[in-house]
Protein backbone atom coordinates (compact mmCIF):
# COMPACT_ATOMS: atom_id res chain seq x y z
CA MET A 1 88.66 109.48 114.15
CA SER A 2 92.39 109.03 114.64
CA THR A 3 95.12 110.53 116.78
CA THR A 4 98.90 110.48 116.46
CA ILE A 5 101.21 110.97 119.45
CA ALA A 6 105.00 111.38 119.39
CA LEU A 7 106.66 108.28 120.87
CA SER A 8 108.83 109.36 123.78
CA GLY A 9 112.48 108.34 123.58
CA THR A 10 112.57 108.15 119.77
CA LYS A 11 113.48 110.59 117.01
CA LYS A 12 110.60 109.83 114.63
CA GLY A 13 108.45 107.25 116.42
CA VAL A 14 104.70 107.63 116.78
CA ILE A 15 101.77 106.04 118.55
CA SER A 16 98.67 105.98 116.37
CA ILE A 17 95.18 105.49 117.78
CA ALA A 18 92.12 104.91 115.61
CA LYS A 19 88.59 103.56 115.83
CA LEU A 20 87.99 100.75 113.31
CA GLU A 21 84.48 99.59 112.50
CA GLU A 22 84.07 96.01 111.26
CA PRO A 23 87.86 95.42 111.10
CA TYR A 24 87.47 91.69 110.49
CA GLY A 25 84.58 91.84 108.04
CA LYS A 26 80.83 92.33 108.14
CA ASP A 27 79.29 92.29 111.63
CA SER A 28 82.66 92.14 113.45
CA GLY A 29 82.84 94.39 116.49
CA THR A 30 84.32 97.88 116.51
CA VAL A 31 87.82 98.13 118.00
CA ALA A 32 90.29 100.73 119.18
CA SER A 33 93.45 100.18 117.15
CA ILE A 34 96.74 101.22 118.76
CA GLY A 35 99.87 101.10 116.61
CA ILE A 36 103.51 101.92 117.30
CA SER A 37 105.92 102.86 114.53
CA LEU A 38 109.55 103.61 115.32
CA SER A 39 110.04 105.01 111.82
CA GLY A 40 107.02 107.33 112.06
CA ASN A 41 105.00 105.46 109.44
CA VAL A 42 101.43 105.69 110.76
CA ASP A 43 100.13 103.46 107.95
CA ALA A 44 102.50 100.56 108.68
CA PRO A 45 103.18 100.26 112.42
CA GLU A 46 105.67 97.64 113.58
CA TRP A 47 103.37 96.74 116.50
CA LYS A 48 99.62 97.03 116.87
CA VAL A 49 96.80 95.85 119.07
CA HIS A 50 93.05 95.87 118.56
CA LEU A 51 90.97 96.34 121.69
CA PRO A 52 87.23 95.65 121.56
CA LEU A 53 85.37 98.80 122.57
CA ASP A 54 83.51 96.75 125.20
CA ASN A 55 86.85 96.33 127.04
CA LEU A 56 88.08 99.90 126.61
CA ASP A 57 87.02 101.30 130.01
CA GLU A 58 88.74 98.44 131.88
CA VAL A 59 91.92 98.79 129.80
CA ILE A 60 92.02 102.55 130.43
CA GLU A 61 91.63 101.98 134.19
CA ALA A 62 94.44 99.40 134.16
CA LEU A 63 96.73 101.74 132.22
CA GLN A 64 95.99 104.65 134.56
CA ALA A 65 96.83 102.42 137.54
CA LEU A 66 100.35 102.00 136.11
CA LYS A 67 101.08 105.66 136.77
């Protein structure tokens, strides 16, 4: 599963969101991967973060609180 969102304030930028299973090798935990590419290259974002799925609900709450 992956999603791409247009990055506000840019001409071609995108935010890419994907679920990665075992991103660091066998038995590593599943993460939500969030990447930002100013050039629109989903496969090579300039910035990315991996969030353990166990922390996802708390991160979503914190992000929603920013609104």
